[in-house]
């Protein structure tokens, strides 16, 4: 996945740091949007999307680990041969 070189690489952030970054950027986005700064808001939205994508990827990875651990892994149930 490509990350903007002007922002921290989200894969290197801890979960709490990632959440803090998302919260901070969300606040800044709404401030920029209310002030009529559309270009700034769109740049913030792009960064925000990058961090949210990483958060979603981590959630999916965690969910998959939990499924495997609990024995509810459906990958072995589906045979496409």
PDB file of N, CA and C in Angstrom:
ATOM      1  N   UNK A   1       0.843  -1.179   0.000  1.00  0.00           N
ATOM      2  CA  UNK A   1       0.000   0.000   0.000  1.00  0.00           C
ATOM      3  C   UNK A   1       0.889   1.244   0.000  1.00  0.00           C
ATOM      4  N   UNK A   2       0.469   2.254  -0.717  1.00  0.00           N
ATOM      5  CA  UNK A   2       1.211   3.503  -0.822  1.00  0.00           C
ATOM      6  C   UNK A   2       0.780   4.460   0.285  1.00  0.00           C
ATOM      7  N   UNK A   3       1.744   5.061   0.940  1.00  0.00           N
ATOM      8  CA  UNK A   3       1.462   6.059   1.963  1.00  0.00           C
ATOM      9  C   UNK A   3       2.089   7.377   1.568  1.00  0.00           C
ATOM     10  N   UNK A   4       1.420   8.455   1.906  1.00  0.00           N
ATOM     11  CA  UNK A   4       1.905   9.791   1.604  1.00  0.00           C
ATOM     12  C   UNK A   4       3.182  10.048   2.399  1.00  0.00           C
ATOM     13  N   UNK A   5       4.258  10.419   1.741  1.00  0.00           N
ATOM     14  CA  UNK A   5       5.529  10.625   2.450  1.00  0.00           C
ATOM     15  C   UNK A   5       5.515  11.832   3.392  1.00  0.00           C
ATOM     16  N   UNK A   6       4.519  12.681   3.280  1.00  0.00           N
ATOM     17  CA  UNK A   6       4.430  13.843   4.159  1.00  0.00           C
ATOM     18  C   UNK A   6       3.800  13.525   5.511  1.00  0.00           C
ATOM     19  N   UNK A   7       3.255  12.329   5.645  1.00  0.00           N
ATOM     20  CA  UNK A   7       2.598  11.922   6.882  1.00  0.00           C
ATOM     21  C   UNK A   7       3.312  10.724   7.483  1.00  0.00           C
ATOM     22  N   UNK A   8       3.100  10.515   8.773  1.00  0.00           N
ATOM     23  CA  UNK A   8       3.660   9.339   9.435  1.00  0.00           C
ATOM     24  C   UNK A   8       3.122   8.083   8.771  1.00  0.00           C
ATOM     25  N   UNK A   9       3.987   7.086   8.623  1.00  0.00           N
ATOM     26  CA  UNK A   9       3.557   5.803   8.085  1.00  0.00           C
ATOM     27  C   UNK A   9       2.643   5.155   9.117  1.00  0.00           C
ATOM     28  N   UNK A  10       1.370   4.949   8.796  1.00  0.00           N
ATOM     29  CA  UNK A  10       0.422   4.441   9.789  1.00  0.00           C
ATOM     30  C   UNK A  10       0.746   3.035  10.293  1.00  0.00           C
ATOM     31  N   UNK A  11       1.490   2.252   9.519  1.00  0.00           N
ATOM     32  CA  UNK A  11       1.817   0.903   9.965  1.00  0.00           C
ATOM     33  C   UNK A  11       2.814   0.924  11.121  1.00  0.00           C
ATOM     34  N   UNK A  12       3.495   2.040  11.308  1.00  0.00           N
ATOM     35  CA  UNK A  12       4.490   2.150  12.377  1.00  0.00           C
ATOM     36  C   UNK A  12       3.904   2.732  13.658  1.00  0.00           C
ATOM     37  N   UNK A  13       2.647   3.145  13.617  1.00  0.00           N
ATOM     38  CA  UNK A  13       2.003   3.730  14.795  1.00  0.00           C
ATOM     39  C   UNK A  13       1.366   2.644  15.653  1.00  0.00           C
ATOM     40  N   UNK A  14       1.374   2.862  16.961  1.00  0.00           N
ATOM     41  CA  UNK A  14       0.665   1.969  17.873  1.00  0.00           C
ATOM     42  C   UNK A  14      -0.829   2.242  17.712  1.00  0.00           C
ATOM     43  N   UNK A  15      -1.657   1.314  18.175  1.00  0.00           N
ATOM     44  CA  UNK A  15      -3.108   1.456  18.029  1.00  0.00           C
ATOM     45  C   UNK A  15      -3.619   2.766  18.620  1.00  0.00           C
ATOM     46  N   UNK A  16      -3.168   3.099  19.822  1.00  0.00           N
ATOM     47  CA  UNK A  16      -3.630   4.329  20.473  1.00  0.00           C
ATOM     48  C   UNK A  16      -3.167   5.563  19.703  1.00  0.00           C
ATOM     49  N   UNK A  17      -1.945   5.535  19.199  1.00  0.00           N
ATOM     50  CA  UNK A  17      -1.441   6.660  18.408  1.00  0.00           C
ATOM     51  C   UNK A  17      -2.260   6.827  17.131  1.00  0.00           C
ATOM     52  N   UNK A  18      -2.647   5.712  16.538  1.00  0.00           N
ATOM     53  CA  UNK A  18      -3.460   5.748  15.329  1.00  0.00           C
ATOM     54  C   UNK A  18      -4.830   6.358  15.623  1.00  0.00           C
ATOM     55  N   UNK A  19      -5.448   5.940  16.720  1.00  0.00           N
ATOM     56  CA  UNK A  19      -6.740   6.502  17.113  1.00  0.00           C
ATOM     57  C   UNK A  19      -6.625   7.996  17.401  1.00  0.00           C
ATOM     58  N   UNK A  20      -5.563   8.387  18.113  1.00  0.00           N
ATOM     59  CA  UNK A  20      -5.351   9.810  18.414  1.00  0.00           C
ATOM     60  C   UNK A  20      -5.180  10.630  17.143  1.00  0.00           C
ATOM     61  N   UNK A  21      -4.448  10.077  16.180  1.00  0.00           N
ATOM     62  CA  UNK A  21      -4.206  10.758  14.908  1.00  0.00           C
ATOM     63  C   UNK A  21      -5.532  10.949  14.156  1.00  0.00           C
ATOM     64  N   UNK A  22      -6.352   9.915  14.149  1.00  0.00           N
ATOM     65  CA  UNK A  22      -7.654   9.981  13.466  1.00  0.00           C
ATOM     66  C   UNK A  22      -8.551  11.020  14.123  1.00  0.00           C
ATOM     67  N   UNK A  23      -8.583  11.027  15.449  1.00  0.00           N
ATOM     68  CA  UNK A  23      -9.401  11.999  16.176  1.00  0.00           C
ATOM     69  C   UNK A  23      -8.926  13.427  15.900  1.00  0.00           C
ATOM     70  N   UNK A  24      -7.620  13.641  15.953  1.00  0.00           N
ATOM     71  CA  UNK A  24      -7.046  14.965  15.710  1.00  0.00           C
ATOM     72  C   UNK A  24      -7.343  15.451  14.290  1.00  0.00           C
ATOM     73  N   UNK A  25      -7.142  14.574  13.316  1.00  0.00           N
ATOM     74  CA  UNK A  25      -7.400  14.971  11.927  1.00  0.00           C
ATOM     75  C   UNK A  25      -8.881  15.204  11.670  1.00  0.00           C
ATOM     76  N   UNK A  26      -9.747  14.437  12.336  1.00  0.00           N
ATOM     77  CA  UNK A  26     -11.190  14.639  12.183  1.00  0.00           C
ATOM     78  C   UNK A  26     -11.589  16.026  12.668  1.00  0.00           C
ATOM     79  N   UNK A  27     -11.058  16.420  13.820  1.00  0.00           N
ATOM     80  CA  UNK A  27     -11.345  17.759  14.346  1.00  0.00           C
ATOM     81  C   UNK A  27     -10.856  18.838  13.385  1.00  0.00           C
ATOM     82  N   UNK A  28      -9.633  18.665  12.885  1.00  0.00           N
ATOM     83  CA  UNK A  28      -9.065  19.653  11.960  1.00  0.00           C
ATOM     84  C   UNK A  28      -9.842  19.712  10.650  1.00  0.00           C
ATOM     85  N   UNK A  29     -10.325  18.565  10.198  1.00  0.00           N
ATOM     86  CA  UNK A  29     -11.120  18.524   8.974  1.00  0.00           C
ATOM     87  C   UNK A  29     -12.379  19.376   9.138  1.00  0.00           C
ATOM     88  N   UNK A  30     -13.101  19.163  10.237  1.00  0.00           N
ATOM     89  CA  UNK A  30     -14.352  19.905  10.426  1.00  0.00           C
ATOM     90  C   UNK A  30     -14.107  21.390  10.623  1.00  0.00           C
ATOM     91  N   UNK A  31     -13.020  21.745  11.257  1.00  0.00           N
ATOM     92  CA  UNK A  31     -12.683  23.163  11.407  1.00  0.00           C
ATOM     93  C   UNK A  31     -12.434  23.781  10.030  1.00  0.00           C
ATOM     94  N   UNK A  32     -11.629  23.103   9.212  1.00  0.00           N
ATOM     95  CA  UNK A  32     -11.332  23.609   7.871  1.00  0.00           C
ATOM     96  C   UNK A  32     -12.598  23.694   7.021  1.00  0.00           C
ATOM     97  N   UNK A  33     -13.455  22.696   7.126  1.00  0.00           N
ATOM     98  CA  UNK A  33     -14.689  22.680   6.338  1.00  0.00           C
ATOM     99  C   UNK A  33     -15.613  23.830   6.747  1.00  0.00           C
ATOM    100  N   UNK A  34     -15.735  24.077   8.048  1.00  0.00           N
ATOM    101  CA  UNK A  34     -16.601  25.165   8.524  1.00  0.00           C
ATOM    102  C   UNK A  34     -16.062  26.536   8.139  1.00  0.00           C
ATOM    103  N   UNK A  35     -14.751  26.654   8.013  1.00  0.00           N
ATOM    104  CA  UNK A  35     -14.151  27.936   7.666  1.00  0.00           C
ATOM    105  C   UNK A  35     -14.093  28.161   6.159  1.00  0.00           C
ATOM    106  N   UNK A  36     -14.612  27.220   5.392  1.00  0.00           N
ATOM    107  CA  UNK A  36     -14.640  27.370   3.946  1.00  0.00           C
ATOM    108  C   UNK A  36     -13.312  27.090   3.275  1.00  0.00           C
ATOM    109  N   UNK A  37     -12.458  26.354   3.933  1.00  0.00           N
ATOM    110  CA  UNK A  37     -11.141  26.015   3.395  1.00  0.00           C
ATOM    111  C   UNK A  37     -11.203  24.639   2.732  1.00  0.00           C
ATOM    112  N   UNK A  38     -11.855  24.588   1.581  1.00  0.00           N
ATOM    113  CA  UNK A  38     -12.085  23.329   0.885  1.00  0.00           C
ATOM    114  C   UNK A  38     -10.825  22.592   0.492  1.00  0.00           C
ATOM    115  N   UNK A  39      -9.819  23.303   0.037  1.00  0.00           N
ATOM    116  CA  UNK A  39      -8.569  22.652  -0.373  1.00  0.00           C
ATOM    117  C   UNK A  39      -7.859  22.030   0.826  1.00  0.00           C
ATOM    118  N   UNK A  40      -7.853  22.758   1.926  1.00  0.00           N
ATOM    119  CA  UNK A  40      -7.226  22.234   3.145  1.00  0.00           C
ATOM    120  C   UNK A  40      -8.010  21.021   3.636  1.00  0.00           C
ATOM    121  N   UNK A  41      -9.329  21.141   3.642  1.00  0.00           N
ATOM    122  CA  UNK A  41     -10.180  20.044   4.099  1.00  0.00           C
ATOM    123  C   UNK A  41      -9.970  18.795   3.247  1.00  0.00           C
ATOM    124  N   UNK A  42      -9.794  18.959   1.947  1.00  0.00           N
ATOM    125  CA  UNK A  42      -9.602  17.783   1.093  1.00  0.00           C
ATOM    126  C   UNK A  42      -8.250  17.127   1.344  1.00  0.00           C
ATOM    127  N   UNK A  43      -7.234  17.910   1.644  1.00  0.00           N
ATOM    128  CA  UNK A  43      -5.925  17.348   1.979  1.00  0.00           C
ATOM    129  C   UNK A  43      -5.984  16.585   3.308  1.00  0.00           C
ATOM    130  N   UNK A  44      -6.686  17.152   4.268  1.00  0.00           N
ATOM    131  CA  UNK A  44      -6.850  16.482   5.558  1.00  0.00           C
ATOM    132  C   UNK A  44      -7.651  15.199   5.374  1.00  0.00           C
ATOM    133  N   UNK A  45      -8.688  15.250   4.533  1.00  0.00           N
ATOM    134  CA  UNK A  45      -9.514  14.071   4.283  1.00  0.00           C
ATOM    135  C   UNK A  45      -8.692  12.944   3.665  1.00  0.00           C
ATOM    136  N   UNK A  46      -7.758  13.292   2.810  1.00  0.00           N
ATOM    137  CA  UNK A  46      -6.901  12.285   2.187  1.00  0.00           C
ATOM    138  C   UNK A  46      -6.032  11.593   3.249  1.00  0.00           C
ATOM    139  N   UNK A  47      -5.452  12.371   4.137  1.00  0.00           N
ATOM    140  CA  UNK A  47      -4.636  11.804   5.216  1.00  0.00           C
ATOM    141  C   UNK A  47      -5.506  10.981   6.163  1.00  0.00           C
ATOM    142  N   UNK A  48      -6.673  11.493   6.457  1.00  0.00           N
ATOM    143  CA  UNK A  48      -7.599  10.803   7.348  1.00  0.00           C
ATOM    144  C   UNK A  48      -7.996   9.444   6.790  1.00  0.00           C
ATOM    145  N   UNK A  49      -8.239   9.401   5.505  1.00  0.00           N
ATOM    146  CA  UNK A  49      -8.589   8.137   4.850  1.00  0.00           C
ATOM    147  C   UNK A  49      -7.454   7.124   4.962  1.00  0.00           C
ATOM    148  N   UNK A  50      -6.227   7.589   4.822  1.00  0.00           N
ATOM    149  CA  UNK A  50      -5.065   6.714   4.921  1.00  0.00           C
ATOM    150  C   UNK A  50      -4.988   6.077   6.310  1.00  0.00           C
ATOM    151  N   UNK A  51      -5.194   6.877   7.349  1.00  0.00           N
ATOM    152  CA  UNK A  51      -5.131   6.353   8.708  1.00  0.00           C
ATOM    153  C   UNK A  51      -6.322   5.439   9.014  1.00  0.00           C
ATOM    154  N   UNK A  52      -7.492   5.788   8.516  1.00  0.00           N
ATOM    155  CA  UNK A  52      -8.668   4.942   8.740  1.00  0.00           C
ATOM    156  C   UNK A  52      -8.531   3.600   8.019  1.00  0.00           C
ATOM    157  N   UNK A  53      -7.934   3.618   6.840  1.00  0.00           N
ATOM    158  CA  UNK A  53      -7.690   2.362   6.116  1.00  0.00           C
ATOM    159  C   UNK A  53      -6.792   1.437   6.929  1.00  0.00           C
ATOM    160  N   UNK A  54      -5.768   2.001   7.542  1.00  0.00           N
ATOM    161  CA  UNK A  54      -4.862   1.203   8.366  1.00  0.00           C
ATOM    162  C   UNK A  54      -5.597   0.651   9.587  1.00  0.00           C
ATOM    163  N   UNK A  55      -6.441   1.472  10.182  1.00  0.00           N
ATOM    164  CA  UNK A  55      -7.219   1.022  11.340  1.00  0.00           C
ATOM    165  C   UNK A  55      -8.154  -0.124  10.946  1.00  0.00           C
ATOM    166  N   UNK A  56      -8.772  -0.001   9.801  1.00  0.00           N
ATOM    167  CA  UNK A  56      -9.672  -1.051   9.312  1.00  0.00           C
ATOM    168  C   UNK A  56      -8.885  -2.328   8.989  1.00  0.00           C
ATOM    169  N   UNK A  57      -7.705  -2.183   8.405  1.00  0.00           N
ATOM    170  CA  UNK A  57      -6.875  -3.346   8.096  1.00  0.00           C
ATOM    171  C   UNK A  57      -6.498  -4.092   9.371  1.00  0.00           C
ATOM    172  N   UNK A  58      -6.151  -3.329  10.399  1.00  0.00           N
ATOM    173  CA  UNK A  58      -5.796  -3.948  11.679  1.00  0.00           C
ATOM    174  C   UNK A  58      -6.992  -4.657  12.297  1.00  0.00           C
ATOM    175  N   UNK A  59      -8.153  -4.061  12.185  1.00  0.00           N
ATOM    176  CA  UNK A  59      -9.364  -4.688  12.716  1.00  0.00           C
ATOM    177  C   UNK A  59      -9.676  -5.998  12.021  1.00  0.00           C
ATOM    178  N   UNK A  60      -9.525  -6.012  10.702  1.00  0.00           N
ATOM    179  CA  UNK A  60      -9.778  -7.240   9.936  1.00  0.00           C
ATOM    180  C   UNK A  60      -8.756  -8.314  10.296  1.00  0.00           C
ATOM    181  N   UNK A  61      -7.519  -7.911  10.477  1.00  0.00           N
ATOM    182  CA  UNK A  61      -6.455  -8.848  10.851  1.00  0.00           C
ATOM    183  C   UNK A  61      -6.731  -9.446  12.234  1.00  0.00           C
ATOM    184  N   UNK A  62      -7.160  -8.604  13.164  1.00  0.00           N
ATOM    185  CA  UNK A  62      -7.467  -9.068  14.514  1.00  0.00           C
ATOM    186  C   UNK A  62      -8.664 -10.017  14.496  1.00  0.00           C
ATOM    187  N   UNK A  63      -9.659  -9.685  13.707  1.00  0.00           N
ATOM    188  CA  UNK A  63     -10.846 -10.532  13.594  1.00  0.00           C
ATOM    189  C   UNK A  63     -10.479 -11.911  13.046  1.00  0.00           C
ATOM    190  N   UNK A  64      -9.606 -11.918  12.066  1.00  0.00           N
ATOM    191  CA  UNK A  64      -9.172 -13.183  11.470  1.00  0.00           C
ATOM    192  C   UNK A  64      -8.413 -14.030  12.489  1.00  0.00           C
ATOM    193  N   UNK A  65      -7.559 -13.393  13.292  1.00  0.00           N
ATOM    194  CA  UNK A  65      -6.817 -14.112  14.329  1.00  0.00           C
ATOM    195  C   UNK A  65      -7.767 -14.714  15.363  1.00  0.00           C
ATOM    196  N   UNK A  66      -8.775 -13.946  15.738  1.00  0.00           N
ATOM    197  CA  UNK A  66      -9.749 -14.423  16.730  1.00  0.00           C
ATOM    198  C   UNK A  66     -10.527 -15.605  16.179  1.00  0.00           C
ATOM    199  N   UNK A  67     -10.921 -15.539  14.902  1.00  0.00           N
ATOM    200  CA  UNK A  67     -11.651 -16.650  14.279  1.00  0.00           C
ATOM    201  C   UNK A  67     -10.804 -17.915  14.261  1.00  0.00           C
ATOM    202  N   UNK A  68      -9.551 -17.785  13.897  1.00  0.00           N
ATOM    203  CA  UNK A  68      -8.667 -18.953  13.857  1.00  0.00           C
ATOM    204  C   UNK A  68      -8.472 -19.535  15.252  1.00  0.00           C
ATOM    205  N   UNK A  69      -8.328 -18.660  16.229  1.00  0.00           N
ATOM    206  CA  UNK A  69      -8.101 -19.092  17.608  1.00  0.00           C
ATOM    207  C   UNK A  69      -9.328 -19.826  18.162  1.00  0.00           C
ATOM    208  N   UNK A  70     -10.517 -19.356  17.798  1.00  0.00           N
ATOM    209  CA  UNK A  70     -11.746 -19.960  18.324  1.00  0.00           C
ATOM    210  C   UNK A  70     -12.179 -21.184  17.517  1.00  0.00           C
ATOM    211  N   UNK A  71     -11.506 -21.448  16.411  1.00  0.00           N
ATOM    212  CA  UNK A  71     -11.860 -22.616  15.610  1.00  0.00           C
ATOM    213  C   UNK A  71     -13.014 -22.369  14.659  1.00  0.00           C
ATOM    214  N   UNK A  72     -13.399 -21.125  14.478  1.00  0.00           N
ATOM    215  CA  UNK A  72     -14.506 -20.776  13.581  1.00  0.00           C
ATOM    216  C   UNK A  72     -14.012 -20.281  12.237  1.00  0.00           C
ATOM    217  N   UNK A  73     -12.871 -20.765  11.819  1.00  0.00           N
ATOM    218  CA  UNK A  73     -12.289 -20.337  10.557  1.00  0.00           C
ATOM    219  C   UNK A  73     -13.032 -21.014   9.397  1.00  0.00           C
ATOM    220  N   UNK A  74     -13.655 -20.217   8.544  1.00  0.00           N
ATOM    221  CA  UNK A  74     -14.452 -20.767   7.446  1.00  0.00           C
ATOM    222  C   UNK A  74     -13.624 -21.058   6.203  1.00  0.00           C
ATOM    223  N   UNK A  75     -12.363 -20.639   6.202  1.00  0.00           N
ATOM    224  CA  UNK A  75     -11.509 -20.891   5.044  1.00  0.00           C
ATOM    225  C   UNK A  75     -11.395 -22.368   4.732  1.00  0.00           C
ATOM    226  N   UNK A  76     -11.386 -23.218   5.759  1.00  0.00           N
ATOM    227  CA  UNK A  76     -11.252 -24.646   5.554  1.00  0.00           C
ATOM    228  C   UNK A  76     -12.572 -25.309   5.120  1.00  0.00           C
ATOM    229  N   UNK A  77     -13.674 -24.618   5.274  1.00  0.00           N
ATOM    230  CA  UNK A  77     -14.983 -25.185   4.946  1.00  0.00           C
ATOM    231  C   UNK A  77     -15.343 -25.054   3.476  1.00  0.00           C
ATOM    232  N   UNK A  78     -14.738 -24.123   2.795  1.00  0.00           N
ATOM    233  CA  UNK A  78     -15.095 -23.842   1.408  1.00  0.00           C
ATOM    234  C   UNK A  78     -14.057 -24.491   0.493  1.00  0.00           C
ATOM    235  N   UNK A  79     -14.509 -25.415  -0.323  1.00  0.00           N
ATOM    236  CA  UNK A  79     -13.633 -26.094  -1.267  1.00  0.00           C
ATOM    237  C   UNK A  79     -14.044 -25.682  -2.672  1.00  0.00           C
ATOM    238  N   UNK A  80     -13.166 -25.025  -3.383  1.00  0.00           N
ATOM    239  CA  UNK A  80     -13.520 -24.533  -4.722  1.00  0.00           C
ATOM    240  C   UNK A  80     -12.945 -25.402  -5.830  1.00  0.00           C
ATOM    241  N   UNK A  81     -12.412 -26.557  -5.479  1.00  0.00           N
ATOM    242  CA  UNK A  81     -11.858 -27.462  -6.497  1.00  0.00           C
ATOM    243  C   UNK A  81     -12.943 -28.107  -7.313  1.00  0.00           C
TER     244      UNK A  81
END
